[in-house]
Each structure stands twice: as C-alpha cells, then as structure tokens.
PDB file of N, CA and C in Angstrom:
ATOM      1  N   MET A   1       0.844  -1.177   0.000  1.00  0.00           N
ATOM      2  CA  MET A   1       0.000   0.000   0.000  1.00  0.00           C
ATOM      3  C   MET A   1       0.890   1.241   0.000  1.00  0.00           C
ATOM      4  N   LEU A   2       0.335   2.322  -0.514  1.00  0.00           N
ATOM      5  CA  LEU A   2       1.051   3.595  -0.496  1.00  0.00           C
ATOM      6  C   LEU A   2       0.813   4.318   0.825  1.00  0.00           C
ATOM      7  N   TYR A   3       1.847   5.083   1.221  1.00  0.00           N
ATOM      8  CA  TYR A   3       1.769   5.906   2.431  1.00  0.00           C
ATOM      9  C   TYR A   3       2.350   7.273   2.126  1.00  0.00           C
ATOM     10  N   SER A   4       1.728   8.314   2.703  1.00  0.00           N
ATOM     11  CA  SER A   4       2.297   9.661   2.608  1.00  0.00           C
ATOM     12  C   SER A   4       3.052   9.931   3.900  1.00  0.00           C
ATOM     13  N   ILE A   5       4.245  10.444   3.728  1.00  0.00           N
ATOM     14  CA  ILE A   5       5.104  10.804   4.855  1.00  0.00           C
ATOM     15  C   ILE A   5       5.362  12.297   4.735  1.00  0.00           C
ATOM     16  N   ILE A   6       4.881  13.045   5.715  1.00  0.00           N
ATOM     17  CA  ILE A   6       4.994  14.498   5.666  1.00  0.00           C
ATOM     18  C   ILE A   6       5.786  14.964   6.872  1.00  0.00           C
ATOM     19  N   GLY A   7       6.947  15.548   6.593  1.00  0.00           N
ATOM     20  CA  GLY A   7       7.800  16.079   7.646  1.00  0.00           C
ATOM     21  C   GLY A   7       7.669  17.587   7.711  1.00  0.00           C
ATOM     22  N   LYS A   8       7.524  18.114   8.913  1.00  0.00           N
ATOM     23  CA  LYS A   8       7.440  19.561   9.150  1.00  0.00           C
ATOM     24  C   LYS A   8       8.742  19.996   9.809  1.00  0.00           C
ATOM     25  N   ASP A   9       9.433  20.929   9.177  1.00  0.00           N
ATOM     26  CA  ASP A   9      10.734  21.384   9.680  1.00  0.00           C
ATOM     27  C   ASP A   9      10.629  22.252  10.927  1.00  0.00           C
ATOM     28  N   VAL A  10      11.688  22.213  11.716  1.00  0.00           N
ATOM     29  CA  VAL A  10      11.874  23.176  12.799  1.00  0.00           C
ATOM     30  C   VAL A  10      12.267  24.509  12.155  1.00  0.00           C
ATOM     31  N   GLU A  11      12.236  25.567  12.920  1.00  0.00           N
ATOM     32  CA  GLU A  11      12.711  26.867  12.433  1.00  0.00           C
ATOM     33  C   GLU A  11      14.207  26.774  12.132  1.00  0.00           C
ATOM     34  N   ASN A  12      14.641  27.492  11.122  1.00  0.00           N
ATOM     35  CA  ASN A  12      16.067  27.586  10.779  1.00  0.00           C
ATOM     36  C   ASN A  12      16.722  26.213  10.582  1.00  0.00           C
ATOM     37  N   SER A  13      16.082  25.368   9.792  1.00  0.00           N
ATOM     38  CA  SER A  13      16.552  23.994   9.585  1.00  0.00           C
ATOM     39  C   SER A  13      17.572  23.850   8.456  1.00  0.00           C
ATOM     40  N   LEU A  14      17.838  24.914   7.721  1.00  0.00           N
ATOM     41  CA  LEU A  14      18.612  24.804   6.489  1.00  0.00           C
ATOM     42  C   LEU A  14      19.994  24.174   6.684  1.00  0.00           C
ATOM     43  N   THR A  15      20.741  24.591   7.683  1.00  0.00           N
ATOM     44  CA  THR A  15      22.086  24.038   7.891  1.00  0.00           C
ATOM     45  C   THR A  15      22.021  22.547   8.198  1.00  0.00           C
ATOM     46  N   ALA A  16      21.132  22.149   9.090  1.00  0.00           N
ATOM     47  CA  ALA A  16      20.990  20.728   9.432  1.00  0.00           C
ATOM     48  C   ALA A  16      20.517  19.936   8.221  1.00  0.00           C
ATOM     49  N   ARG A  17      19.614  20.517   7.426  1.00  0.00           N
ATOM     50  CA  ARG A  17      19.140  19.871   6.196  1.00  0.00           C
ATOM     51  C   ARG A  17      20.298  19.605   5.251  1.00  0.00           C
ATOM     52  N   GLN A  18      21.097  20.626   5.023  1.00  0.00           N
ATOM     53  CA  GLN A  18      22.211  20.486   4.084  1.00  0.00           C
ATOM     54  C   GLN A  18      23.183  19.402   4.530  1.00  0.00           C
ATOM     55  N   GLN A  19      23.431  19.303   5.820  1.00  0.00           N
ATOM     56  CA  GLN A  19      24.366  18.308   6.334  1.00  0.00           C
ATOM     57  C   GLN A  19      23.818  16.896   6.214  1.00  0.00           C
ATOM     58  N   ALA A  20      22.517  16.709   6.438  1.00  0.00           N
ATOM     59  CA  ALA A  20      21.908  15.374   6.407  1.00  0.00           C
ATOM     60  C   ALA A  20      21.396  14.979   5.029  1.00  0.00           C
ATOM     61  N   ARG A  21      21.405  15.905   4.072  1.00  0.00           N
ATOM     62  CA  ARG A  21      20.794  15.671   2.763  1.00  0.00           C
ATOM     63  C   ARG A  21      21.374  14.469   2.011  1.00  0.00           C
ATOM     64  N   PRO A  22      22.690  14.276   1.935  1.00  0.00           N
ATOM     65  CA  PRO A  22      23.191  13.113   1.187  1.00  0.00           C
ATOM     66  C   PRO A  22      22.642  11.782   1.704  1.00  0.00           C
ATOM     67  N   ALA A  23      22.590  11.610   3.004  1.00  0.00           N
ATOM     68  CA  ALA A  23      22.062  10.367   3.575  1.00  0.00           C
ATOM     69  C   ALA A  23      20.556  10.253   3.333  1.00  0.00           C
ATOM     70  N   HIS A  24      19.847  11.368   3.433  1.00  0.00           N
ATOM     71  CA  HIS A  24      18.403  11.395   3.169  1.00  0.00           C
ATOM     72  C   HIS A  24      18.131  10.987   1.719  1.00  0.00           C
ATOM     73  N   LEU A  25      18.868  11.568   0.789  1.00  0.00           N
ATOM     74  CA  LEU A  25      18.674  11.252  -0.628  1.00  0.00           C
ATOM     75  C   LEU A  25      19.037   9.803  -0.946  1.00  0.00           C
ATOM     76  N   ALA A  26      20.037   9.260  -0.281  1.00  0.00           N
ATOM     77  CA  ALA A  26      20.429   7.864  -0.509  1.00  0.00           C
ATOM     78  C   ALA A  26      19.286   6.920  -0.145  1.00  0.00           C
ATOM     79  N   ARG A  27      18.576   7.206   0.924  1.00  0.00           N
ATOM     80  CA  ARG A  27      17.434   6.363   1.312  1.00  0.00           C
ATOM     81  C   ARG A  27      16.306   6.478   0.306  1.00  0.00           C
ATOM     82  N   LEU A  28      16.069   7.682  -0.203  1.00  0.00           N
ATOM     83  CA  LEU A  28      15.042   7.860  -1.227  1.00  0.00           C
ATOM     84  C   LEU A  28      15.440   7.158  -2.519  1.00  0.00           C
ATOM     85  N   GLN A  29      16.717   7.218  -2.866  1.00  0.00           N
ATOM     86  CA  GLN A  29      17.199   6.532  -4.062  1.00  0.00           C
ATOM     87  C   GLN A  29      16.978   5.023  -3.942  1.00  0.00           C
ATOM     88  N   ALA A  30      17.186   4.478  -2.755  1.00  0.00           N
ATOM     89  CA  ALA A  30      16.962   3.043  -2.540  1.00  0.00           C
ATOM     90  C   ALA A  30      15.493   2.691  -2.751  1.00  0.00           C
ATOM     91  N   LEU A  31      14.579   3.539  -2.287  1.00  0.00           N
ATOM     92  CA  LEU A  31      13.152   3.307  -2.534  1.00  0.00           C
ATOM     93  C   LEU A  31      12.856   3.375  -4.032  1.00  0.00           C
ATOM     94  N   GLN A  32      13.448   4.347  -4.711  1.00  0.00           N
ATOM     95  CA  GLN A  32      13.225   4.488  -6.152  1.00  0.00           C
ATOM     96  C   GLN A  32      13.775   3.274  -6.892  1.00  0.00           C
ATOM     97  N   ASP A  33      14.966   2.839  -6.530  1.00  0.00           N
ATOM     98  CA  ASP A  33      15.580   1.685  -7.185  1.00  0.00           C
ATOM     99  C   ASP A  33      14.738   0.422  -7.002  1.00  0.00           C
ATOM    100  N   ALA A  34      14.025   0.337  -5.880  1.00  0.00           N
ATOM    101  CA  ALA A  34      13.161  -0.808  -5.605  1.00  0.00           C
ATOM    102  C   ALA A  34      11.785  -0.657  -6.266  1.00  0.00           C
ATOM    103  N   GLY A  35      11.555   0.466  -6.949  1.00  0.00           N
ATOM    104  CA  GLY A  35      10.272   0.696  -7.615  1.00  0.00           C
ATOM    105  C   GLY A  35       9.149   1.042  -6.656  1.00  0.00           C
ATOM    106  N   ARG A  36       9.480   1.557  -5.473  1.00  0.00           N
ATOM    107  CA  ARG A  36       8.477   1.836  -4.444  1.00  0.00           C
ATOM    108  C   ARG A  36       8.191   3.325  -4.239  1.00  0.00           C
ATOM    109  N   LEU A  37       8.966   4.201  -4.859  1.00  0.00           N
ATOM    110  CA  LEU A  37       8.810   5.637  -4.652  1.00  0.00           C
ATOM    111  C   LEU A  37       7.900   6.237  -5.713  1.00  0.00           C
ATOM    112  N   VAL A  38       6.850   6.928  -5.271  1.00  0.00           N
ATOM    113  CA  VAL A  38       5.941   7.617  -6.185  1.00  0.00           C
ATOM    114  C   VAL A  38       6.410   9.049  -6.398  1.00  0.00           C
ATOM    115  N   LEU A  39       6.726   9.738  -5.320  1.00  0.00           N
ATOM    116  CA  LEU A  39       7.236  11.107  -5.410  1.00  0.00           C
ATOM    117  C   LEU A  39       7.888  11.489  -4.100  1.00  0.00           C
ATOM    118  N   ALA A  40       8.771  12.466  -4.178  1.00  0.00           N
ATOM    119  CA  ALA A  40       9.426  12.979  -2.980  1.00  0.00           C
ATOM    120  C   ALA A  40       9.982  14.361  -3.278  1.00  0.00           C
ATOM    121  N   GLY A  41       9.920  15.227  -2.297  1.00  0.00           N
ATOM    122  CA  GLY A  41      10.508  16.545  -2.461  1.00  0.00           C
ATOM    123  C   GLY A  41      10.211  17.450  -1.284  1.00  0.00           C
ATOM    124  N   PRO A  42      10.937  18.572  -1.211  1.00  0.00           N
ATOM    125  CA  PRO A  42      10.760  19.524  -0.122  1.00  0.00           C
ATOM    126  C   PRO A  42       9.716  20.584  -0.445  1.00  0.00           C
ATOM    127  N   ASN A  43       9.287  21.261   0.612  1.00  0.00           N
ATOM    128  CA  ASN A  43       8.397  22.411   0.484  1.00  0.00           C
ATOM    129  C   ASN A  43       9.224  23.670   0.699  1.00  0.00           C
ATOM    130  N   PRO A  44       9.533  24.426  -0.378  1.00  0.00           N
ATOM    131  CA  PRO A  44      10.290  25.664  -0.201  1.00  0.00           C
ATOM    132  C   PRO A  44       9.542  26.647   0.707  1.00  0.00           C
ATOM    133  N   ALA A  45      10.288  27.397   1.480  1.00  0.00           N
ATOM    134  CA  ALA A  45       9.690  28.366   2.398  1.00  0.00           C
ATOM    135  C   ALA A  45       9.130  29.582   1.669  1.00  0.00           C
ATOM    136  N   ILE A  46       9.572  29.788   0.434  1.00  0.00           N
ATOM    137  CA  ILE A  46       9.055  30.874  -0.396  1.00  0.00           C
ATOM    138  C   ILE A  46       8.641  30.298  -1.739  1.00  0.00           C
ATOM    139  N   ASP A  47       7.950  31.067  -2.531  1.00  0.00           N
ATOM    140  CA  ASP A  47       7.443  30.613  -3.826  1.00  0.00           C
ATOM    141  C   ASP A  47       8.566  30.609  -4.861  1.00  0.00           C
ATOM    142  N   SER A  48       9.456  29.617  -4.734  1.00  0.00           N
ATOM    143  CA  SER A  48      10.609  29.527  -5.613  1.00  0.00           C
ATOM    144  C   SER A  48      11.144  28.096  -5.603  1.00  0.00           C
ATOM    145  N   ASP A  49      11.602  27.615  -6.764  1.00  0.00           N
ATOM    146  CA  ASP A  49      12.241  26.301  -6.831  1.00  0.00           C
ATOM    147  C   ASP A  49      13.546  26.289  -6.048  1.00  0.00           C
ATOM    148  N   ASN A  50      14.213  27.437  -5.989  1.00  0.00           N
ATOM    149  CA  ASN A  50      15.474  27.551  -5.268  1.00  0.00           C
ATOM    150  C   ASN A  50      15.329  28.658  -4.232  1.00  0.00           C
ATOM    151  N   PRO A  51      14.891  28.311  -3.010  1.00  0.00           N
ATOM    152  CA  PRO A  51      14.602  29.343  -2.026  1.00  0.00           C
ATOM    153  C   PRO A  51      15.819  29.947  -1.337  1.00  0.00           C
ATOM    154  N   GLY A  52      17.010  29.442  -1.656  1.00  0.00           N
ATOM    155  CA  GLY A  52      18.221  30.003  -1.065  1.00  0.00           C
ATOM    156  C   GLY A  52      18.192  29.962   0.445  1.00  0.00           C
ATOM    157  N   ASP A  53      18.560  31.072   1.074  1.00  0.00           N
ATOM    158  CA  ASP A  53      18.639  31.140   2.530  1.00  0.00           C
ATOM    159  C   ASP A  53      17.283  31.017   3.224  1.00  0.00           C
ATOM    160  N   ALA A  54      16.172  31.190   2.470  1.00  0.00           N
ATOM    161  CA  ALA A  54      14.842  31.041   3.073  1.00  0.00           C
ATOM    162  C   ALA A  54      14.607  29.594   3.489  1.00  0.00           C
ATOM    163  N   GLY A  55      15.249  28.666   2.789  1.00  0.00           N
ATOM    164  CA  GLY A  55      15.170  27.262   3.171  1.00  0.00           C
ATOM    165  C   GLY A  55      13.844  26.613   2.860  1.00  0.00           C
ATOM    166  N   PHE A  56      13.491  25.645   3.690  1.00  0.00           N
ATOM    167  CA  PHE A  56      12.324  24.800   3.451  1.00  0.00           C
ATOM    168  C   PHE A  56      11.500  24.682   4.723  1.00  0.00           C
ATOM    169  N   THR A  57      10.222  24.369   4.548  1.00  0.00           N
ATOM    170  CA  THR A  57       9.321  24.213   5.694  1.00  0.00           C
ATOM    171  C   THR A  57       8.986  22.757   5.978  1.00  0.00           C
ATOM    172  N   GLY A  58       9.370  21.870   5.078  1.00  0.00           N
ATOM    173  CA  GLY A  58       9.072  20.454   5.270  1.00  0.00           C
ATOM    174  C   GLY A  58       9.322  19.665   4.008  1.00  0.00           C
ATOM    175  N   SER A  59       8.870  18.414   4.030  1.00  0.00           N
ATOM    176  CA  SER A  59       9.057  17.512   2.900  1.00  0.00           C
ATOM    177  C   SER A  59       7.868  16.570   2.786  1.00  0.00           C
ATOM    178  N   VAL A  60       7.680  16.042   1.566  1.00  0.00           N
ATOM    179  CA  VAL A  60       6.622  15.075   1.299  1.00  0.00           C
ATOM    180  C   VAL A  60       7.238  13.875   0.584  1.00  0.00           C
ATOM    181  N   VAL A  61       6.882  12.688   1.046  1.00  0.00           N
ATOM    182  CA  VAL A  61       7.267  11.445   0.388  1.00  0.00           C
ATOM    183  C   VAL A  61       6.007  10.604   0.247  1.00  0.00           C
ATOM    184  N   VAL A  62       5.785  10.063  -0.938  1.00  0.00           N
ATOM    185  CA  VAL A  62       4.734   9.067  -1.133  1.00  0.00           C
ATOM    186  C   VAL A  62       5.427   7.833  -1.668  1.00  0.00           C
ATOM    187  N   ALA A  63       5.292   6.737  -0.919  1.00  0.00           N
ATOM    188  CA  ALA A  63       5.999   5.513  -1.281  1.00  0.00           C
ATOM    189  C   ALA A  63       5.210   4.293  -0.822  1.00  0.00           C
ATOM    190  N   GLU A  64       5.583   3.159  -1.398  1.00  0.00           N
ATOM    191  CA  GLU A  64       4.932   1.893  -1.060  1.00  0.00           C
ATOM    192  C   GLU A  64       5.693   1.180   0.061  1.00  0.00           C
ATOM    193  N   PHE A  65       4.929   0.710   1.045  1.00  0.00           N
ATOM    194  CA  PHE A  65       5.470  -0.079   2.147  1.00  0.00           C
ATOM    195  C   PHE A  65       4.511  -1.232   2.420  1.00  0.00           C
ATOM    196  N   PRO A  66       5.002  -2.314   3.004  1.00  0.00           N
ATOM    197  CA  PRO A  66       4.134  -3.454   3.302  1.00  0.00           C
ATOM    198  C   PRO A  66       3.058  -3.162   4.352  1.00  0.00           C
ATOM    199  N   SER A  67       3.331  -2.179   5.233  1.00  0.00           N
ATOM    200  CA  SER A  67       2.378  -1.869   6.305  1.00  0.00           C
ATOM    201  C   SER A  67       2.619  -0.461   6.824  1.00  0.00           C
ATOM    202  N   LEU A  68       1.650   0.039   7.560  1.00  0.00           N
ATOM    203  CA  LEU A  68       1.790   1.344   8.199  1.00  0.00           C
ATOM    204  C   LEU A  68       2.957   1.328   9.191  1.00  0.00           C
ATOM    205  N   GLU A  69       3.116   0.229   9.900  1.00  0.00           N
ATOM    206  CA  GLU A  69       4.208   0.118  10.870  1.00  0.00           C
ATOM    207  C   GLU A  69       5.568   0.231  10.189  1.00  0.00           C
ATOM    208  N   GLU A  70       5.708  -0.411   9.028  1.00  0.00           N
ATOM    209  CA  GLU A  70       6.991  -0.340   8.312  1.00  0.00           C
ATOM    210  C   GLU A  70       7.222   1.044   7.716  1.00  0.00           C
ATOM    211  N   ALA A  71       6.160   1.689   7.257  1.00  0.00           N
ATOM    212  CA  ALA A  71       6.288   3.066   6.765  1.00  0.00           C
ATOM    213  C   ALA A  71       6.711   3.993   7.903  1.00  0.00           C
ATOM    214  N   GLN A  72       6.110   3.797   9.080  1.00  0.00           N
ATOM    215  CA  GLN A  72       6.454   4.626  10.239  1.00  0.00           C
ATOM    216  C   GLN A  72       7.895   4.387  10.669  1.00  0.00           C
ATOM    217  N   ALA A  73       8.319   3.127  10.665  1.00  0.00           N
ATOM    218  CA  ALA A  73       9.704   2.807  11.051  1.00  0.00           C
ATOM    219  C   ALA A  73      10.687   3.431  10.067  1.00  0.00           C
ATOM    220  N   TRP A  74      10.358   3.392   8.778  1.00  0.00           N
ATOM    221  CA  TRP A  74      11.217   4.004   7.764  1.00  0.00           C
ATOM    222  C   TRP A  74      11.301   5.514   8.010  1.00  0.00           C
ATOM    223  N   ALA A  75      10.163   6.141   8.264  1.00  0.00           N
ATOM    224  CA  ALA A  75      10.142   7.589   8.514  1.00  0.00           C
ATOM    225  C   ALA A  75      10.915   7.943   9.783  1.00  0.00           C
ATOM    226  N   ASP A  76      10.762   7.146  10.822  1.00  0.00           N
ATOM    227  CA  ASP A  76      11.445   7.416  12.093  1.00  0.00           C
ATOM    228  C   ASP A  76      12.966   7.343  11.960  1.00  0.00           C
ATOM    229  N   ALA A  77      13.453   6.551  10.997  1.00  0.00           N
ATOM    230  CA  ALA A  77      14.898   6.376  10.805  1.00  0.00           C
ATOM    231  C   ALA A  77      15.483   7.353   9.788  1.00  0.00           C
ATOM    232  N   ASP A  78      14.692   8.295   9.316  1.00  0.00           N
ATOM    233  CA  ASP A  78      15.173   9.247   8.321  1.00  0.00           C
ATOM    234  C   ASP A  78      16.302  10.104   8.897  1.00  0.00           C
ATOM    235  N   PRO A  79      17.360  10.333   8.133  1.00  0.00           N
ATOM    236  CA  PRO A  79      18.448  11.191   8.603  1.00  0.00           C
ATOM    237  C   PRO A  79      17.995  12.597   9.007  1.00  0.00           C
ATOM    238  N   TYR A  80      16.928  13.102   8.394  1.00  0.00           N
ATOM    239  CA  TYR A  80      16.425  14.413   8.800  1.00  0.00           C
ATOM    240  C   TYR A  80      15.838  14.368  10.211  1.00  0.00           C
ATOM    241  N   VAL A  81      15.245  13.250  10.595  1.00  0.00           N
ATOM    242  CA  VAL A  81      14.749  13.099  11.963  1.00  0.00           C
ATOM    243  C   VAL A  81      15.941  13.069  12.916  1.00  0.00           C
ATOM    244  N   GLU A  82      16.921  12.258  12.598  1.00  0.00           N
ATOM    245  CA  GLU A  82      18.107  12.107  13.445  1.00  0.00           C
ATOM    246  C   GLU A  82      18.877  13.417  13.587  1.00  0.00           C
ATOM    247  N   ALA A  83      18.863  14.249  12.519  1.00  0.00           N
ATOM    248  CA  ALA A  83      19.596  15.516  12.541  1.00  0.00           C
ATOM    249  C   ALA A  83      18.791  16.653  13.167  1.00  0.00           C
ATOM    250  N   GLY A  84      17.540  16.396  13.547  1.00  0.00           N
ATOM    251  CA  GLY A  84      16.724  17.433  14.156  1.00  0.00           C
ATOM    252  C   GLY A  84      16.117  18.408  13.168  1.00  0.00           C
ATOM    253  N   VAL A  85      16.054  18.031  11.897  1.00  0.00           N
ATOM    254  CA  VAL A  85      15.448  18.900  10.879  1.00  0.00           C
ATOM    255  C   VAL A  85      13.935  18.969  11.068  1.00  0.00           C
ATOM    256  N   TYR A  86      13.327  17.818  11.321  1.00  0.00           N
ATOM    257  CA  TYR A  86      11.866  17.756  11.453  1.00  0.00           C
ATOM    258  C   TYR A  86      11.436  17.924  12.900  1.00  0.00           C
ATOM    259  N   GLN A  87      10.407  18.740  13.110  1.00  0.00           N
ATOM    260  CA  GLN A  87       9.773  18.834  14.431  1.00  0.00           C
ATOM    261  C   GLN A  87       8.657  17.820  14.552  1.00  0.00           C
ATOM    262  N   LYS A  88       8.096  17.396  13.403  1.00  0.00           N
ATOM    263  CA  LYS A  88       6.989  16.452  13.404  1.00  0.00           C
ATOM    264  C   LYS A  88       6.981  15.709  12.081  1.00  0.00           C
ATOM    265  N   VAL A  89       6.649  14.420  12.132  1.00  0.00           N
ATOM    266  CA  VAL A  89       6.498  13.609  10.932  1.00  0.00           C
ATOM    267  C   VAL A  89       5.179  12.856  11.031  1.00  0.00           C
ATOM    268  N   SER A  90       4.348  12.987  10.006  1.00  0.00           N
ATOM    269  CA  SER A  90       3.073  12.279   9.942  1.00  0.00           C
ATOM    270  C   SER A  90       3.157  11.209   8.867  1.00  0.00           C
ATOM    271  N   VAL A  91       2.675  10.011   9.182  1.00  0.00           N
ATOM    272  CA  VAL A  91       2.639   8.910   8.230  1.00  0.00           C
ATOM    273  C   VAL A  91       1.201   8.418   8.153  1.00  0.00           C
ATOM    274  N   ASN A  92       0.657   8.411   6.927  1.00  0.00           N
ATOM    275  CA  ASN A  92      -0.735   8.016   6.734  1.00  0.00           C
ATOM    276  C   ASN A  92      -0.886   7.166   5.487  1.00  0.00           C
ATOM    277  N   PRO A  93      -1.854   6.242   5.494  1.00  0.00           N
ATOM    278  CA  PRO A  93      -2.165   5.525   4.260  1.00  0.00           C
ATOM    279  C   PRO A  93      -2.550   6.537   3.182  1.00  0.00           C
ATOM    280  N   PHE A  94      -2.221   6.208   1.947  1.00  0.00           N
ATOM    281  CA  PHE A  94      -2.457   7.120   0.820  1.00  0.00           C
ATOM    282  C   PHE A  94      -3.073   6.339  -0.330  1.00  0.00           C
ATOM    283  N   LYS A  95      -4.157   6.841  -0.877  1.00  0.00           N
ATOM    284  CA  LYS A  95      -4.803   6.222  -2.032  1.00  0.00           C
ATOM    285  C   LYS A  95      -4.570   7.103  -3.244  1.00  0.00           C
ATOM    286  N   GLN A  96      -3.782   6.622  -4.184  1.00  0.00           N
ATOM    287  CA  GLN A  96      -3.512   7.384  -5.399  1.00  0.00           C
ATOM    288  C   GLN A  96      -4.703   7.269  -6.342  1.00  0.00           C
ATOM    289  N   VAL A  97      -5.232   8.400  -6.760  1.00  0.00           N
ATOM    290  CA  VAL A  97      -6.324   8.443  -7.712  1.00  0.00           C
ATOM    291  C   VAL A  97      -5.811   8.906  -9.076  1.00  0.00           C
ATOM    292  N   PHE A  98      -4.991   9.938  -9.088  1.00  0.00           N
ATOM    293  CA  PHE A  98      -4.387  10.453 -10.315  1.00  0.00           C
ATOM    294  C   PHE A  98      -2.905  10.661 -10.094  1.00  0.00           C
ATOM    295  N   PRO A  99      -2.063  10.558 -11.081  1.00  0.00           N
ATOM    296  CA  PRO A  99      -2.355   9.929 -12.371  1.00  0.00           C
ATOM    297  C   PRO A  99      -2.488   8.415 -12.213  1.00  0.00           C
ATOM    298  N   LYS A 100      -3.199   7.825 -13.169  1.00  0.00           N
ATOM    299  CA  LYS A 100      -3.408   6.372 -13.155  1.00  0.00           C
ATOM    300  C   LYS A 100      -2.299   5.682 -13.884  1.00  0.00           C
TER     301      LYS A 100
END
C-alpha cells in the first residue's frame, strides 16, 4: 500500500538539512531503485524552486510499504529526523487516484 510521509521542519533547519541531505537522498534513491517511490521533495519556504537562505518548511514522500508500521519505522529512521530537521512527521495511508 502507499503511504504519505509528511515532515514539518523546525525553524532555521537549512544548515541541518544540508548536512543530512546526502544520507536522506540515498534512502530515497533506494526506494526508487526498488520501484516503491511515487514522489518525494521539499516544500520551499518561499514561492521559488530555489529558495536560497529562506530554506524549506518540510518535505513530502509518497511511497509503497508493506504496512503502516513499516512506513512509520522508515520515517522514524530518516536522517532528517536524526539531525533534528523535522519537528513532526506524519505517516498516513495514501490512495492514489491520479495519475493512473
């Protein structure tokens, strides 16, 4: 089943994000390589693809996991969680309607 993983950043998370980003991306790449990643990306703090020093307010991942528990465990082990980038992470079942 698909699950949405939504991380909400702490204030001034940019430095911690930059430091943990390679490890974070490696985990996403592993999901993609396994054919389980639907989409992933950050939420810029301003209306720009490259927000610069404004940074980001969070991230969204939609991916396939065998269960909610496994999706939660994957989210809990994210390098952004370990680095203190996220203040909160929500994991919920997700039903994809579009695109088919």
